[in-house]
Amino acid sequence: MRVVIVGGGPAGLYLALLLKKASPRDEITVLERNPPDATYGWGVVFSDRTLAEFREADEVTYRQITDRFVLWDAIDVYAHGERLRCGGHVFAGIARTALLEILQRRCAELGVVLRFRTEVRQPEDLPPYDLLVGADGVGSTVRSWHAEVFRPRITPGRARYIWLGTPRPFGAFTFVFRQTEWGLFQAHAYPYAGRMSTFIVECGEEAWKRAGFHEADEVQTLRRCEEIFAEVLRGNPLFSNNSRWIRFPTLRTVTWHHGRIVLLGDAAHTAHFSIGSGTKLAMEDAIALARALQTYEDLETALEAYELERRPAVEAFQRAALQSQRTFETTQRAMRLDPYRLTLYLLTRSGRISYEDLRVRDARFVQRVESHLASEWDEVRLPCPPVHLPFALRGLRLPNRIARRPASACGALDGLPGQAQQRALCGLAARGAGLVLTEILAVSPEGRITPEDAGLYRGEHGEAWKRIVQAVHAEGSRIGAVLGHAGRRGATRSRRFGVDLPLTEPWELLAPSALPYHPDGPVPRAMGREDMEAVREAFVRAARLAAHAGFDLLHLHFGSGYLLASFLSPLTNRREDAYGGSLENRMRFPLEVFRAVREVWEGPLGVTLPASDRARGGIPEQEALAIARAFREAGCDLVEVTAGQTVPDEDPTYGRGYLAPYAEAVRLEVGIPVLVGGGLTLSEANVLVASGRADLCVLDLEGDGFVDKSPPSLVS
C-alpha cells in the first residue's frame, strides 16, 4: 500500500510511524513544506488519559516523549490581587520541537520517507498513492481540492490572542487577569520545558485596539505585553516565534473522507486552545486511523470506521471547547465575582469537571471555597455544599438553594386544584426543597394549556390553594405560584397524550398576531386593546388570589412561547402598532402586565423570560439581556430563563444543564438573581451556585438524593 501524508506535524508523523510499524512493506511518504528543524510553536499539553493511548500505540515513542515531559497538577488563578491554587489536575507538557524531533527520528528508524521543504500546491505535485492523508492543518490544501465534498465551515472567535513564550518557569497551569486602562487582558501560561513556558495573551477586540496592538510591530507587541503582565512575569521577557494576533478558527467539516482521501487532525476539525486538546485530538485521530486501516481490508470501510469512531469524541470536545471559548471571550462580565467564585467559574467552564471531581482532586480547595461562601451568612455555622446555603429575596428567607416543581400538570377540574396537587407539592417539600413552585396556573379559563390545568381565576381556586399552601408550609418549605396564559399554545389535549395536540373543539385562542402554533393548528385571534386589558386584569386578579392563599413568592411565566413570550419574540409578534416591531414596543404589553401585578403584590416577584428562541430570526442574546434589564428596573426580583418552544420548528438542542449558559449571562450581565432549571443534577447545582452562575436551581431529575443524604439542617 502506498500512503502519502501531506503535513509533517505531530498527527502526520505519528500516523506515518504507526502505519509503517504495522506494515513494514507499505510505502509511507510524508511531505512537509517546512525544514525538519522548524521551530514553529511553543509547548504541547497532554492529559494522563491520552498518555495511556500513546503507550499502547507505540511504546518506543511513548517512553521518549514521557522522558521529556514536564509534569504538574495545579491550576493557579491570579485575579483581584490574589492567587488561588487548586491541585489534582494532572497535565504533562513538552516542547513542540522536541515532540517533532522524537516523531521524525522514529519515522526514519522505521523507514518512513520524509521529504521536507516540499510544497504541495495541486494534486499533480503528489507521488502515486493508494491513500492520501491531509494532515496539513486548518488551512488544508488537500481539503481545498474537494471543498464541495468536505464542506468546511470555519467560525472565527470574537477574541484576539497571540501565542508567546517566556523563560519564566511557571509551576502550574496559570490564568492571569489584568484590568488595564485599555480593558481586560488575560494570559494562559503553562510550563513545557525546564525553564520555558508557553504564554498566550488574549483580549477583546476593543481592548486590543485601544492598547494599540493593531498597529504595533513584533517588538512593540512584546514590550507592551511584558508591561501588562510584569507582576506575574517577574522580570522575565516574552519571546515571539513568528507570533501574530489572530482569532481562533473553529473548523467543522461535513465528512472526513472522500474516495482515497482522508483528513486528520486540524485539517478535519479544531477545538479552542483553552482546553489544550489540539495536538491530543490529532494524535488520537492518527491512532484510530492506523487501527482502522489494519482492521479492515477494504479502504472505504476502514475510513468509514475511522470517522465513526472519532467523530463523536471530537464533537464532544468541540462542544466543551466552545463553552470554554465563550467563557474566555466574555470574562469581563465574570470579573464582578470574588476570587473564590471566579476560580470555580474557570475550573468548571467546560462542564467536564463536576463538584465531586473537584472535591476528589483537591478537598482542601473545596473546603476553602465552602468556608468563604458560608462566611457571607451569619446564621451558617459550618461550611456546607453551596446548595445548602440560605437565600434571601425581598424579605423571603429560603433555607437552601434548591427549588422543585411538579414534572407535569396534576389534573384539575375547571382549574380547581385538589388532592393530587397537594400530594405532589407536599411530596416535593418533604424532599427538602427550599422553594416549591406550582405548575403554571392559568389566570383565566381560556389561558389554560389543557382542560386539566389548574388555575387561579375564581375565589374557590384561592381557597383551595390556601389549604395547599398551608400543607407545604407544614413541611418546612416555601411555595411560589407560577401564573401564566397559554396564548396560542392553549386548548390542547392533556400532555400525557403528547405535546401541543389541539383539542377537537378548542376554545378561542389569543395571541399578539393571528399565527397558529402549528401550521394546521387553530388560528388565534390577534389581540385588541380590550383583550389586553382583560388579560392584564386577569393577572392582577390572580395575584390578589395568590396573596389571599398565602403564597410566599409570585412568578409570572413569560416564556416557552406562551402568550406574553409571543409578544417578546419577533417570530410571533408581527404587529405594526405600538406593541410590535422594535424591542421597546414588543416589551410594552408584558411590562404593562408585570407592573400591574407589581402594584398589588408586595412580596418577591419573579418572571420567566425567553433567553433564546433557538430559531433563525428569533431573540438574540443582546435583546434577551435588554429584556431582563427592563424587568429588573420594573421591580423584578428573580429571573428564570427558558430557551426555545417559541416556534415548533426550532433547533432542538437539549441536554442536561442546557439553560445554565443563558442563566449565567443574565446573572452576570444584568446583575439580578436567577433561577435555573434544565435537568440539573445536585452536583451541577453546587457548581452553578458556587461559581456565581445561578442563585436558585430547579432539580427535576428523579433520584438525585438531595434530601435523603443532606437535609438543610446545617443552617442554624
Foldseek 3Di string as FASTA:
>chain_A
DEEEEEALALLLLLLLLLLCVVPVVYAAEYEAQADLQQQPDFKAKDAPVLLVVVCVSPVVLSVQQVVFKDWAFKEWEAAPNDIDIFGQGIMIMATRSSSSVSSVVSSVVSPHHYHYSQDDQDPVSDDDGQAYEFAHAQVTNVCVVPCVQFVKDKDFAQKKKKKKKWQAADRHFYWYWFQDPLGIKIWTWHDHGDRMIIIMIMDGPRSCVSLPVVPDDPVVVQVVVCVRCVVVNVPIGIGHSPMDIGTDIFMATPAQDDNRYGYAFRNHGAFACVVSCRSSLRNVLSSQLSVLVVPDVDPVRSRVSSCVVRVVVRVLRNQLRVQLSVCVNPVRLLSVDDPQLQVLCNVCRSVPAFLVNSCVSGVVSVLVLQVVVQVVDPQQDHRDQQQQPWDDFQHDIFRGQEEAEDPFAQFDALQADDPSQLVRQLVVLLLFGQEYEYDAAELDSQQALENRHHHQPDLNNLVRLLVSQVSSVVSVHAYEYEYTGQALNHQAHGCVVPGSHHDPDGDAGEACDQDHQDPPDHTHDNDDPVNLVVRLVSLQSSLVSCVSSPHQEYEYECDLQGHLVLLQKLVNNPDPDQSDDDNNNSCVSVLSSLLSNCVRHPHAYAYEYECEQQAPRIDDNVSSLVSLLVVVVSPHQEYEYDYHNSHPPGDPDADAPPCLVSQQCNCSVNVHAYEYERQYAPRVVSSCSSSVSHRHYYHDDPPSSSRVVDHSPSRD
